[in-house]
């Protein structure tokens, strides 16, 4: 992470690094204490997870459980602790990177999709529970993002870039959005996909 931190410092940002293990829920409180150092936090961005390999996860249940542990359980642990701290200070935004993969879980990546469906549902429910507290949750649903995670994969329709996702997050924060789709057209695409009859949905190869 140090090269990325150095680039941000060159651009004028103040950056500090902390060691974090999504799978070590017992250590999350200590990491947050180290990062916050007793001060307020205006916005936290949860942007961690693994794509995994569907075929491997189907053969090895332990691999599937590990993916769910990282993408869903680890995120739940962090979000709950952030919400507690932000509720105590009376303000804050938790930005959660979800995925359109969780909108309707596809057969081609149902383990990853299920992890994002769980994350998305949890984030929305927690956001509703925080209404009126001064704390809110913004769920970001990108489509296929050209990144290290997707390197070597065939791009899906309406694919996007990390820079476009970042711009969409900033725009969503400015308008106090609860949900952000990247690109925006995916909101309507996934609305149609969600309502496809299941026999037809099963025939889709994507």
N, C-alpha and C. Protein backbone atom coordinates (compact mmCIF):
# COMPACT_ATOMS: atom_id res chain seq x y z
N UNK A 1 0.81 -1.21 0.00
CA UNK A 1 0.00 0.00 0.00
C UNK A 1 0.85 1.27 0.00
N UNK A 2 2.12 1.15 0.36
CA UNK A 2 2.94 2.35 0.50
C UNK A 2 3.08 3.14 -0.80
N UNK A 3 3.25 2.49 -1.99
CA UNK A 3 3.32 3.29 -3.22
C UNK A 3 2.05 4.12 -3.47
N UNK A 4 0.88 3.53 -3.18
CA UNK A 4 -0.37 4.27 -3.35
C UNK A 4 -0.44 5.42 -2.36
N UNK A 5 0.00 5.17 -1.13
CA UNK A 5 0.00 6.24 -0.12
C UNK A 5 0.93 7.38 -0.53
N UNK A 6 2.10 7.02 -1.08
CA UNK A 6 3.05 8.05 -1.51
C UNK A 6 2.47 8.90 -2.63
N UNK A 7 1.75 8.26 -3.54
CA UNK A 7 1.12 9.01 -4.63
C UNK A 7 0.09 9.99 -4.09
N UNK A 8 -0.69 9.55 -3.12
CA UNK A 8 -1.69 10.43 -2.52
C UNK A 8 -1.05 11.57 -1.75
N UNK A 9 0.04 11.29 -1.07
CA UNK A 9 0.74 12.36 -0.33
C UNK A 9 1.29 13.39 -1.30
N UNK A 10 1.80 12.94 -2.44
CA UNK A 10 2.29 13.86 -3.45
C UNK A 10 1.19 14.78 -3.95
N UNK A 11 -0.04 14.25 -3.99
CA UNK A 11 -1.18 15.03 -4.44
C UNK A 11 -1.71 15.98 -3.35
N UNK A 12 -1.13 15.88 -2.14
CA UNK A 12 -1.51 16.81 -1.09
C UNK A 12 -2.32 16.22 0.05
N UNK A 13 -2.57 14.91 0.01
CA UNK A 13 -3.38 14.29 1.06
C UNK A 13 -2.51 13.87 2.24
N UNK A 14 -3.12 13.79 3.39
CA UNK A 14 -2.47 13.22 4.57
C UNK A 14 -2.90 11.76 4.66
N UNK A 15 -1.96 10.85 4.62
CA UNK A 15 -2.26 9.42 4.56
C UNK A 15 -1.51 8.67 5.65
N UNK A 16 -2.22 7.83 6.38
CA UNK A 16 -1.61 6.92 7.34
C UNK A 16 -2.09 5.52 7.03
N UNK A 17 -1.21 4.55 7.17
CA UNK A 17 -1.53 3.16 6.88
C UNK A 17 -1.67 2.37 8.18
N UNK A 18 -2.58 1.41 8.17
CA UNK A 18 -2.76 0.52 9.31
C UNK A 18 -2.96 -0.89 8.80
N UNK A 19 -2.46 -1.87 9.51
CA UNK A 19 -2.63 -3.26 9.13
C UNK A 19 -4.06 -3.71 9.44
N UNK A 20 -4.71 -4.36 8.45
CA UNK A 20 -6.10 -4.76 8.61
C UNK A 20 -6.32 -6.13 8.00
N UNK A 21 -6.98 -7.01 8.73
CA UNK A 21 -7.32 -8.34 8.24
C UNK A 21 -8.83 -8.49 8.33
N UNK A 22 -9.49 -8.54 7.19
CA UNK A 22 -10.95 -8.64 7.17
C UNK A 22 -11.46 -9.87 7.92
N UNK A 23 -10.66 -10.94 7.91
CA UNK A 23 -11.11 -12.19 8.52
C UNK A 23 -10.89 -12.24 10.03
N UNK A 24 -10.18 -11.27 10.58
CA UNK A 24 -9.89 -11.26 12.01
C UNK A 24 -10.82 -10.29 12.72
N UNK A 25 -12.05 -10.72 12.96
CA UNK A 25 -13.04 -9.83 13.58
C UNK A 25 -12.61 -9.38 14.97
N UNK A 26 -11.86 -10.23 15.68
CA UNK A 26 -11.44 -9.85 17.04
C UNK A 26 -10.46 -8.68 17.02
N UNK A 27 -9.83 -8.43 15.88
CA UNK A 27 -8.87 -7.34 15.79
C UNK A 27 -9.42 -6.05 15.22
N UNK A 28 -10.68 -6.05 14.78
CA UNK A 28 -11.23 -4.87 14.12
C UNK A 28 -11.35 -3.67 15.05
N UNK A 29 -11.74 -3.90 16.29
CA UNK A 29 -11.86 -2.78 17.23
C UNK A 29 -10.52 -2.09 17.43
N UNK A 30 -9.46 -2.89 17.54
CA UNK A 30 -8.13 -2.31 17.72
C UNK A 30 -7.67 -1.51 16.51
N UNK A 31 -7.99 -2.00 15.31
CA UNK A 31 -7.63 -1.27 14.09
C UNK A 31 -8.36 0.08 14.05
N UNK A 32 -9.66 0.06 14.37
CA UNK A 32 -10.42 1.31 14.35
C UNK A 32 -9.90 2.28 15.41
N UNK A 33 -9.55 1.77 16.57
CA UNK A 33 -8.98 2.63 17.61
C UNK A 33 -7.68 3.26 17.13
N UNK A 34 -6.86 2.47 16.42
CA UNK A 34 -5.59 2.98 15.91
C UNK A 34 -5.82 4.05 14.85
N UNK A 35 -6.80 3.82 13.98
CA UNK A 35 -7.07 4.77 12.90
C UNK A 35 -7.70 6.05 13.43
N UNK A 36 -8.68 5.90 14.31
CA UNK A 36 -9.43 7.07 14.78
C UNK A 36 -8.69 7.84 15.86
N UNK A 37 -7.93 7.15 16.69
CA UNK A 37 -7.14 7.80 17.75
C UNK A 37 -7.99 8.74 18.59
N UNK A 38 -9.21 8.30 18.88
CA UNK A 38 -10.07 9.09 19.75
C UNK A 38 -10.78 10.25 19.08
N UNK A 39 -10.54 10.48 17.79
CA UNK A 39 -11.17 11.61 17.10
C UNK A 39 -12.42 11.20 16.35
N UNK A 40 -13.10 12.20 15.81
CA UNK A 40 -14.29 11.95 14.99
C UNK A 40 -13.88 11.45 13.61
N UNK A 41 -14.83 10.80 12.96
CA UNK A 41 -14.63 10.37 11.58
C UNK A 41 -15.86 10.75 10.78
N UNK A 42 -15.66 11.49 9.71
CA UNK A 42 -16.78 11.98 8.90
C UNK A 42 -17.29 10.93 7.92
N UNK A 43 -16.36 10.17 7.31
CA UNK A 43 -16.77 9.18 6.31
C UNK A 43 -15.83 7.99 6.34
N UNK A 44 -16.40 6.81 6.28
CA UNK A 44 -15.61 5.58 6.16
C UNK A 44 -16.03 4.86 4.89
N UNK A 45 -15.06 4.42 4.11
CA UNK A 45 -15.32 3.71 2.86
C UNK A 45 -14.90 2.26 3.02
N UNK A 46 -15.87 1.35 2.97
CA UNK A 46 -15.57 -0.08 3.01
C UNK A 46 -15.36 -0.58 1.59
N UNK A 47 -14.12 -0.86 1.26
CA UNK A 47 -13.78 -1.24 -0.11
C UNK A 47 -12.82 -2.41 -0.09
N UNK A 48 -13.22 -3.49 0.56
CA UNK A 48 -12.38 -4.68 0.56
C UNK A 48 -13.22 -5.89 0.19
N UNK A 49 -12.55 -6.91 -0.34
CA UNK A 49 -13.26 -8.12 -0.72
C UNK A 49 -12.44 -8.91 -1.72
N UNK A 50 -12.88 -10.14 -1.96
CA UNK A 50 -12.21 -11.02 -2.93
C UNK A 50 -13.25 -11.56 -3.90
N UNK A 51 -12.83 -11.75 -5.15
CA UNK A 51 -13.72 -12.31 -6.16
C UNK A 51 -13.80 -13.83 -6.04
N UNK A 52 -12.66 -14.45 -5.74
CA UNK A 52 -12.64 -15.89 -5.62
C UNK A 52 -12.79 -16.57 -6.98
N UNK A 53 -12.82 -17.90 -6.94
CA UNK A 53 -12.99 -18.70 -8.14
C UNK A 53 -14.20 -19.60 -7.94
N UNK A 54 -15.21 -19.44 -8.79
CA UNK A 54 -16.46 -20.17 -8.61
C UNK A 54 -16.25 -21.68 -8.64
N UNK A 55 -15.49 -22.18 -9.60
CA UNK A 55 -15.30 -23.62 -9.72
C UNK A 55 -14.60 -24.19 -8.48
N UNK A 56 -13.61 -23.47 -7.99
CA UNK A 56 -12.91 -23.91 -6.78
C UNK A 56 -13.85 -23.92 -5.59
N UNK A 57 -14.65 -22.87 -5.46
CA UNK A 57 -15.58 -22.77 -4.34
C UNK A 57 -16.63 -23.88 -4.37
N UNK A 58 -17.05 -24.27 -5.56
CA UNK A 58 -18.02 -25.35 -5.66
C UNK A 58 -17.42 -26.69 -5.25
N UNK A 59 -16.14 -26.89 -5.57
CA UNK A 59 -15.47 -28.15 -5.20
C UNK A 59 -15.08 -28.19 -3.74
N UNK A 60 -14.73 -27.03 -3.21
CA UNK A 60 -14.19 -26.95 -1.85
C UNK A 60 -15.04 -26.00 -1.00
N UNK A 61 -15.95 -26.55 -0.19
CA UNK A 61 -16.80 -25.69 0.63
C UNK A 61 -16.01 -24.73 1.53
N UNK A 62 -14.83 -25.15 1.97
CA UNK A 62 -14.02 -24.26 2.82
C UNK A 62 -13.63 -22.99 2.07
N UNK A 63 -13.40 -23.11 0.76
CA UNK A 63 -13.08 -21.93 -0.06
C UNK A 63 -14.27 -20.99 -0.14
N UNK A 64 -15.47 -21.56 -0.29
CA UNK A 64 -16.68 -20.73 -0.33
C UNK A 64 -16.90 -20.02 1.00
N UNK A 65 -16.70 -20.74 2.10
CA UNK A 65 -16.87 -20.15 3.43
C UNK A 65 -15.86 -19.02 3.64
N UNK A 66 -14.62 -19.23 3.17
CA UNK A 66 -13.60 -18.20 3.33
C UNK A 66 -13.98 -16.93 2.59
N UNK A 67 -14.52 -17.08 1.37
CA UNK A 67 -14.94 -15.91 0.60
C UNK A 67 -16.07 -15.16 1.31
N UNK A 68 -17.04 -15.91 1.82
CA UNK A 68 -18.14 -15.29 2.55
C UNK A 68 -17.65 -14.62 3.84
N UNK A 69 -16.67 -15.24 4.47
CA UNK A 69 -16.11 -14.66 5.70
C UNK A 69 -15.50 -13.29 5.41
N UNK A 70 -14.76 -13.20 4.32
CA UNK A 70 -14.11 -11.93 3.97
C UNK A 70 -15.11 -10.88 3.50
N UNK A 71 -15.92 -11.24 2.52
CA UNK A 71 -16.78 -10.26 1.85
C UNK A 71 -17.98 -9.84 2.69
N UNK A 72 -18.51 -10.77 3.47
CA UNK A 72 -19.74 -10.47 4.21
C UNK A 72 -19.50 -10.35 5.71
N UNK A 73 -19.02 -11.41 6.34
CA UNK A 73 -18.87 -11.40 7.79
C UNK A 73 -17.87 -10.33 8.24
N UNK A 74 -16.74 -10.23 7.55
CA UNK A 74 -15.76 -9.21 7.91
C UNK A 74 -16.32 -7.81 7.78
N UNK A 75 -17.08 -7.58 6.71
CA UNK A 75 -17.67 -6.25 6.51
C UNK A 75 -18.72 -5.95 7.57
N UNK A 76 -19.52 -6.94 7.95
CA UNK A 76 -20.53 -6.75 9.00
C UNK A 76 -19.86 -6.32 10.30
N UNK A 77 -18.77 -6.99 10.65
CA UNK A 77 -18.04 -6.66 11.88
C UNK A 77 -17.58 -5.21 11.87
N UNK A 78 -16.99 -4.78 10.76
CA UNK A 78 -16.48 -3.41 10.68
C UNK A 78 -17.62 -2.40 10.69
N UNK A 79 -18.68 -2.68 9.92
CA UNK A 79 -19.80 -1.73 9.84
C UNK A 79 -20.46 -1.51 11.19
N UNK A 80 -20.68 -2.58 11.93
CA UNK A 80 -21.33 -2.44 13.23
C UNK A 80 -20.48 -1.58 14.18
N UNK A 81 -19.17 -1.80 14.16
CA UNK A 81 -18.31 -1.02 15.05
C UNK A 81 -18.21 0.44 14.60
N UNK A 82 -18.19 0.66 13.29
CA UNK A 82 -18.21 2.05 12.81
C UNK A 82 -19.51 2.74 13.19
N UNK A 83 -20.63 2.03 13.04
CA UNK A 83 -21.93 2.62 13.37
C UNK A 83 -22.00 3.01 14.84
N UNK A 84 -21.46 2.17 15.72
CA UNK A 84 -21.45 2.49 17.14
C UNK A 84 -20.67 3.77 17.41
N UNK A 85 -19.51 3.88 16.79
CA UNK A 85 -18.67 5.05 17.01
C UNK A 85 -19.31 6.31 16.43
N UNK A 86 -19.87 6.19 15.24
CA UNK A 86 -20.49 7.36 14.61
C UNK A 86 -21.76 7.78 15.34
N UNK A 87 -22.53 6.81 15.82
CA UNK A 87 -23.74 7.15 16.58
C UNK A 87 -23.36 7.93 17.84
N UNK A 88 -22.27 7.52 18.48
CA UNK A 88 -21.82 8.20 19.70
C UNK A 88 -21.40 9.64 19.42
N UNK A 89 -20.78 9.87 18.24
CA UNK A 89 -20.35 11.23 17.91
C UNK A 89 -21.46 12.05 17.26
N UNK A 90 -22.53 11.38 16.80
CA UNK A 90 -23.71 12.07 16.28
C UNK A 90 -23.68 12.40 14.81
N UNK A 91 -22.70 11.89 14.08
CA UNK A 91 -22.64 12.16 12.64
C UNK A 91 -21.71 11.17 11.98
N UNK A 92 -21.80 11.10 10.64
CA UNK A 92 -20.90 10.25 9.87
C UNK A 92 -21.60 9.53 8.75
N UNK A 93 -20.84 9.12 7.76
CA UNK A 93 -21.36 8.36 6.62
C UNK A 93 -20.50 7.12 6.44
N UNK A 94 -21.16 5.97 6.27
CA UNK A 94 -20.47 4.74 5.94
C UNK A 94 -20.79 4.41 4.49
N UNK A 95 -19.78 4.41 3.65
CA UNK A 95 -19.94 4.10 2.23
C UNK A 95 -19.54 2.64 2.02
N UNK A 96 -20.46 1.85 1.49
CA UNK A 96 -20.23 0.41 1.34
C UNK A 96 -20.19 0.06 -0.14
N UNK A 97 -19.07 -0.51 -0.59
CA UNK A 97 -18.97 -0.95 -1.97
C UNK A 97 -19.63 -2.32 -2.11
N UNK A 98 -20.83 -2.33 -2.65
CA UNK A 98 -21.56 -3.55 -2.93
C UNK A 98 -21.29 -3.92 -4.38
N UNK A 99 -22.26 -4.51 -5.07
CA UNK A 99 -22.08 -4.89 -6.47
C UNK A 99 -23.42 -5.23 -7.07
N UNK A 100 -23.56 -5.01 -8.37
CA UNK A 100 -24.78 -5.46 -9.04
C UNK A 100 -24.88 -6.98 -9.02
N UNK A 101 -23.75 -7.66 -8.75
CA UNK A 101 -23.76 -9.13 -8.67
C UNK A 101 -24.68 -9.63 -7.57
N UNK A 102 -24.94 -8.78 -6.58
CA UNK A 102 -25.81 -9.17 -5.48
C UNK A 102 -27.28 -8.85 -5.72
N UNK A 103 -27.58 -8.15 -6.81
CA UNK A 103 -28.96 -7.79 -7.09
C UNK A 103 -29.82 -8.99 -7.45
N UNK A 104 -29.27 -9.86 -8.29
CA UNK A 104 -29.87 -11.16 -8.55
C UNK A 104 -28.72 -12.11 -8.81
N UNK A 105 -28.53 -13.04 -7.89
CA UNK A 105 -27.34 -13.88 -7.91
C UNK A 105 -27.39 -14.82 -9.12
N UNK A 106 -26.30 -14.79 -9.91
CA UNK A 106 -26.22 -15.57 -11.15
C UNK A 106 -25.52 -16.90 -10.92
N UNK A 107 -25.84 -17.88 -11.72
CA UNK A 107 -25.25 -19.22 -11.57
C UNK A 107 -23.75 -19.22 -11.81
N UNK A 108 -23.26 -18.29 -12.62
CA UNK A 108 -21.84 -18.29 -12.97
C UNK A 108 -20.94 -17.81 -11.84
N UNK A 109 -21.49 -17.08 -10.88
CA UNK A 109 -20.67 -16.64 -9.73
C UNK A 109 -21.54 -16.51 -8.48
N UNK A 110 -22.29 -17.57 -8.18
CA UNK A 110 -23.27 -17.45 -7.11
C UNK A 110 -22.65 -17.34 -5.71
N UNK A 111 -21.42 -17.81 -5.53
CA UNK A 111 -20.80 -17.66 -4.21
C UNK A 111 -20.46 -16.18 -3.96
N UNK A 112 -19.75 -15.58 -4.92
CA UNK A 112 -19.44 -14.15 -4.80
C UNK A 112 -20.72 -13.33 -4.76
N UNK A 113 -21.67 -13.64 -5.66
CA UNK A 113 -22.92 -12.89 -5.70
C UNK A 113 -23.67 -12.97 -4.39
N UNK A 114 -23.68 -14.15 -3.76
CA UNK A 114 -24.37 -14.29 -2.47
C UNK A 114 -23.70 -13.45 -1.39
N UNK A 115 -22.36 -13.37 -1.44
CA UNK A 115 -21.67 -12.55 -0.44
C UNK A 115 -22.04 -11.08 -0.59
N UNK A 116 -22.20 -10.62 -1.83
CA UNK A 116 -22.57 -9.22 -2.06
C UNK A 116 -24.06 -8.98 -1.78
N UNK A 117 -24.89 -9.99 -2.04
CA UNK A 117 -26.32 -9.86 -1.71
C UNK A 117 -26.49 -9.70 -0.20
N UNK A 118 -25.74 -10.50 0.56
CA UNK A 118 -25.80 -10.38 2.01
C UNK A 118 -25.30 -9.04 2.49
N UNK A 119 -24.18 -8.60 1.93
CA UNK A 119 -23.60 -7.31 2.31
C UNK A 119 -24.55 -6.17 2.00
N UNK A 120 -25.13 -6.20 0.80
CA UNK A 120 -26.04 -5.14 0.37
C UNK A 120 -27.26 -5.07 1.28
N UNK A 121 -27.86 -6.25 1.55
CA UNK A 121 -29.03 -6.28 2.41
C UNK A 121 -28.74 -5.79 3.81
N UNK A 122 -27.60 -6.21 4.37
CA UNK A 122 -27.22 -5.78 5.71
C UNK A 122 -27.02 -4.26 5.75
N UNK A 123 -26.30 -3.74 4.74
CA UNK A 123 -26.02 -2.31 4.71
C UNK A 123 -27.30 -1.48 4.62
N UNK A 124 -28.24 -1.93 3.79
CA UNK A 124 -29.50 -1.20 3.68
C UNK A 124 -30.28 -1.23 4.99
N UNK A 125 -30.36 -2.41 5.60
CA UNK A 125 -31.08 -2.52 6.86
C UNK A 125 -30.45 -1.70 7.96
N UNK A 126 -29.13 -1.72 8.04
CA UNK A 126 -28.45 -0.93 9.05
C UNK A 126 -28.66 0.55 8.80
N UNK A 127 -28.64 0.96 7.52
CA UNK A 127 -28.89 2.35 7.19
C UNK A 127 -30.26 2.80 7.65
N UNK A 128 -31.27 1.94 7.45
CA UNK A 128 -32.62 2.29 7.91
C UNK A 128 -32.66 2.40 9.43
N UNK A 129 -31.93 1.54 10.12
CA UNK A 129 -31.95 1.57 11.59
C UNK A 129 -31.27 2.82 12.14
N UNK A 130 -30.39 3.44 11.34
CA UNK A 130 -29.66 4.63 11.80
C UNK A 130 -30.38 5.93 11.47
N UNK A 131 -31.52 5.85 10.78
CA UNK A 131 -32.26 7.07 10.42
C UNK A 131 -32.56 7.90 11.66
N UNK A 132 -32.25 9.19 11.58
CA UNK A 132 -32.50 10.11 12.68
C UNK A 132 -31.35 10.22 13.67
N UNK A 133 -30.30 9.41 13.48
CA UNK A 133 -29.17 9.43 14.42
C UNK A 133 -28.07 10.39 14.00
N UNK A 134 -28.18 10.92 12.76
CA UNK A 134 -27.10 11.73 12.21
C UNK A 134 -26.10 10.90 11.43
N UNK A 135 -26.28 9.59 11.44
CA UNK A 135 -25.39 8.67 10.72
C UNK A 135 -26.16 8.04 9.57
N UNK A 136 -25.53 7.90 8.44
CA UNK A 136 -26.21 7.26 7.32
C UNK A 136 -25.27 6.31 6.59
N UNK A 137 -25.88 5.44 5.79
CA UNK A 137 -25.14 4.46 5.01
C UNK A 137 -25.44 4.69 3.53
N UNK A 138 -24.41 4.73 2.71
CA UNK A 138 -24.59 4.86 1.27
C UNK A 138 -24.06 3.60 0.61
N UNK A 139 -24.93 2.89 -0.09
CA UNK A 139 -24.56 1.65 -0.77
C UNK A 139 -24.21 1.97 -2.22
N UNK A 140 -23.05 1.52 -2.66
CA UNK A 140 -22.58 1.76 -4.02
C UNK A 140 -22.61 0.43 -4.77
N UNK A 141 -23.29 0.41 -5.91
CA UNK A 141 -23.45 -0.81 -6.70
C UNK A 141 -22.81 -0.66 -8.07
N UNK A 142 -21.53 -0.92 -8.18
CA UNK A 142 -20.90 -0.88 -9.50
C UNK A 142 -21.19 -2.16 -10.28
N UNK A 143 -21.04 -2.06 -11.60
CA UNK A 143 -21.04 -3.24 -12.42
C UNK A 143 -19.62 -3.76 -12.52
N UNK A 144 -19.27 -4.31 -13.66
CA UNK A 144 -17.91 -4.81 -13.89
C UNK A 144 -16.94 -3.63 -13.87
N UNK A 145 -15.93 -3.69 -12.99
CA UNK A 145 -14.94 -2.62 -12.87
C UNK A 145 -13.60 -3.13 -13.36
N UNK A 146 -12.98 -2.41 -14.27
CA UNK A 146 -11.65 -2.77 -14.76
C UNK A 146 -10.64 -2.51 -13.64
N UNK A 147 -10.22 -3.55 -12.96
CA UNK A 147 -9.33 -3.41 -11.81
C UNK A 147 -8.47 -4.66 -11.69
N UNK A 148 -7.63 -4.69 -10.65
CA UNK A 148 -6.80 -5.87 -10.41
C UNK A 148 -7.66 -7.10 -10.16
N UNK A 149 -8.81 -6.90 -9.51
CA UNK A 149 -9.69 -8.03 -9.20
C UNK A 149 -10.21 -8.70 -10.46
N UNK A 150 -10.46 -7.92 -11.50
CA UNK A 150 -11.08 -8.47 -12.71
C UNK A 150 -10.09 -8.65 -13.86
N UNK A 151 -8.81 -8.48 -13.59
CA UNK A 151 -7.80 -8.61 -14.63
C UNK A 151 -7.88 -10.00 -15.27
N UNK A 152 -7.90 -10.02 -16.61
CA UNK A 152 -7.96 -11.28 -17.33
C UNK A 152 -9.36 -11.79 -17.62
N UNK A 153 -10.38 -11.15 -17.07
CA UNK A 153 -11.76 -11.55 -17.32
C UNK A 153 -12.33 -10.76 -18.49
N UNK A 154 -13.29 -11.37 -19.18
CA UNK A 154 -13.97 -10.66 -20.26
C UNK A 154 -14.89 -9.59 -19.67
N UNK A 155 -14.79 -8.34 -20.12
CA UNK A 155 -15.64 -7.28 -19.57
C UNK A 155 -17.12 -7.56 -19.81
N UNK A 156 -17.93 -7.23 -18.83
CA UNK A 156 -19.38 -7.34 -18.96
C UNK A 156 -19.91 -6.06 -19.59
N UNK A 157 -21.14 -6.08 -20.12
CA UNK A 157 -21.73 -4.84 -20.64
C UNK A 157 -21.78 -3.76 -19.56
N UNK A 158 -21.65 -2.53 -19.98
CA UNK A 158 -21.68 -1.37 -19.09
C UNK A 158 -20.54 -1.41 -18.07
N UNK A 159 -19.40 -1.95 -18.47
CA UNK A 159 -18.26 -1.98 -17.57
C UNK A 159 -17.78 -0.57 -17.28
N UNK A 160 -17.06 -0.41 -16.17
CA UNK A 160 -16.67 0.92 -15.73
C UNK A 160 -15.24 0.88 -15.19
N UNK A 161 -14.78 1.98 -14.64
CA UNK A 161 -13.41 2.11 -14.16
C UNK A 161 -13.41 2.55 -12.69
N UNK A 162 -12.32 2.31 -11.98
CA UNK A 162 -12.24 2.80 -10.60
C UNK A 162 -12.44 4.31 -10.49
N UNK A 163 -11.93 5.04 -11.48
CA UNK A 163 -12.08 6.51 -11.45
C UNK A 163 -13.55 6.91 -11.55
N UNK A 164 -14.31 6.20 -12.40
CA UNK A 164 -15.73 6.50 -12.54
C UNK A 164 -16.49 6.16 -11.26
N UNK A 165 -16.09 5.07 -10.62
CA UNK A 165 -16.72 4.71 -9.34
C UNK A 165 -16.43 5.78 -8.29
N UNK A 166 -15.18 6.24 -8.25
CA UNK A 166 -14.81 7.28 -7.29
C UNK A 166 -15.63 8.55 -7.51
N UNK A 167 -15.76 8.96 -8.78
CA UNK A 167 -16.55 10.16 -9.09
C UNK A 167 -18.01 9.98 -8.67
N UNK A 168 -18.55 8.77 -8.88
CA UNK A 168 -19.94 8.51 -8.51
C UNK A 168 -20.12 8.56 -7.00
N UNK A 169 -19.13 8.08 -6.25
CA UNK A 169 -19.19 8.13 -4.79
C UNK A 169 -19.21 9.57 -4.31
N UNK A 170 -18.33 10.40 -4.87
CA UNK A 170 -18.30 11.81 -4.48
C UNK A 170 -19.64 12.48 -4.79
N UNK A 171 -20.18 12.20 -5.98
CA UNK A 171 -21.48 12.77 -6.34
C UNK A 171 -22.58 12.30 -5.40
N UNK A 172 -22.57 11.03 -5.03
CA UNK A 172 -23.56 10.51 -4.12
C UNK A 172 -23.48 11.14 -2.74
N UNK A 173 -22.27 11.36 -2.26
CA UNK A 173 -22.09 12.03 -0.97
C UNK A 173 -22.63 13.45 -1.00
N UNK A 174 -22.41 14.14 -2.10
CA UNK A 174 -22.85 15.53 -2.20
C UNK A 174 -24.37 15.65 -2.20
N UNK A 175 -25.06 14.64 -2.74
CA UNK A 175 -26.53 14.74 -2.79
C UNK A 175 -27.21 13.88 -1.72
N UNK A 176 -26.42 13.40 -0.75
CA UNK A 176 -26.97 12.58 0.35
C UNK A 176 -27.72 11.36 -0.16
N UNK A 177 -27.17 10.69 -1.15
CA UNK A 177 -27.83 9.52 -1.74
C UNK A 177 -27.74 8.32 -0.80
N UNK A 178 -28.75 7.47 -0.86
CA UNK A 178 -28.72 6.20 -0.12
C UNK A 178 -28.10 5.10 -0.98
N UNK A 179 -28.31 5.18 -2.30
CA UNK A 179 -27.83 4.16 -3.22
C UNK A 179 -27.23 4.83 -4.45
N UNK A 180 -26.10 4.30 -4.91
CA UNK A 180 -25.43 4.83 -6.10
C UNK A 180 -25.15 3.67 -7.05
N UNK A 181 -25.59 3.80 -8.30
CA UNK A 181 -25.33 2.80 -9.33
C UNK A 181 -24.25 3.33 -10.26
N UNK A 182 -23.31 2.46 -10.63
CA UNK A 182 -22.22 2.87 -11.51
C UNK A 182 -22.04 1.84 -12.63
N UNK A 183 -22.31 2.24 -13.89
CA UNK A 183 -22.93 3.50 -14.32
C UNK A 183 -24.42 3.53 -13.98
N UNK A 184 -25.06 4.70 -14.00
CA UNK A 184 -26.45 4.83 -13.58
C UNK A 184 -27.44 3.95 -14.34
N UNK A 185 -27.14 3.63 -15.60
CA UNK A 185 -28.05 2.83 -16.42
C UNK A 185 -28.28 1.45 -15.81
N UNK A 186 -27.35 0.97 -14.97
CA UNK A 186 -27.51 -0.35 -14.38
C UNK A 186 -28.70 -0.43 -13.43
N UNK A 187 -29.13 0.70 -12.93
CA UNK A 187 -30.34 0.71 -12.09
C UNK A 187 -31.52 0.12 -12.85
N UNK A 188 -31.66 0.52 -14.11
CA UNK A 188 -32.80 0.08 -14.92
C UNK A 188 -32.55 -1.30 -15.52
N UNK A 189 -31.29 -1.58 -15.86
CA UNK A 189 -30.96 -2.92 -16.36
C UNK A 189 -31.26 -3.98 -15.31
N UNK A 190 -30.83 -3.73 -14.09
CA UNK A 190 -31.03 -4.72 -13.03
C UNK A 190 -32.49 -4.78 -12.59
N UNK A 191 -33.22 -3.70 -12.74
CA UNK A 191 -34.66 -3.75 -12.44
C UNK A 191 -35.34 -4.74 -13.37
N UNK A 192 -34.91 -4.74 -14.65
CA UNK A 192 -35.46 -5.70 -15.61
C UNK A 192 -34.99 -7.12 -15.30
N UNK A 193 -33.70 -7.27 -14.98
CA UNK A 193 -33.15 -8.60 -14.69
C UNK A 193 -33.83 -9.22 -13.48
N UNK A 194 -34.09 -8.42 -12.46
CA UNK A 194 -34.74 -8.95 -11.25
C UNK A 194 -36.10 -9.55 -11.53
N UNK A 195 -36.77 -9.06 -12.57
CA UNK A 195 -38.13 -9.51 -12.84
C UNK A 195 -38.22 -10.54 -13.96
N UNK A 196 -37.08 -11.00 -14.46
CA UNK A 196 -37.11 -12.06 -15.46
C UNK A 196 -37.65 -13.35 -14.84
N UNK A 197 -38.52 -14.06 -15.53
CA UNK A 197 -38.96 -15.38 -15.03
C UNK A 197 -37.75 -16.29 -14.81
N UNK A 198 -37.79 -17.07 -13.76
CA UNK A 198 -36.62 -17.87 -13.41
C UNK A 198 -36.18 -18.83 -14.52
N UNK A 199 -37.08 -19.50 -15.22
CA UNK A 199 -36.62 -20.38 -16.31
C UNK A 199 -35.83 -19.62 -17.37
N UNK A 200 -36.23 -18.39 -17.66
CA UNK A 200 -35.50 -17.58 -18.64
C UNK A 200 -34.17 -17.13 -18.06
N UNK A 201 -34.18 -16.72 -16.80
CA UNK A 201 -32.96 -16.26 -16.15
C UNK A 201 -31.90 -17.35 -16.13
N UNK A 202 -32.32 -18.59 -15.91
CA UNK A 202 -31.38 -19.72 -15.86
C UNK A 202 -30.69 -19.95 -17.21
N UNK A 203 -31.33 -19.55 -18.28
CA UNK A 203 -30.76 -19.77 -19.60
C UNK A 203 -29.73 -18.71 -19.99
N UNK A 204 -29.67 -17.63 -19.24
CA UNK A 204 -28.74 -16.57 -19.58
C UNK A 204 -27.32 -16.99 -19.27
N UNK A 205 -26.43 -16.69 -20.17
CA UNK A 205 -25.01 -17.00 -19.98
C UNK A 205 -24.23 -15.70 -19.79
N UNK A 206 -24.20 -15.25 -18.57
CA UNK A 206 -23.43 -14.03 -18.27
C UNK A 206 -23.02 -14.05 -16.81
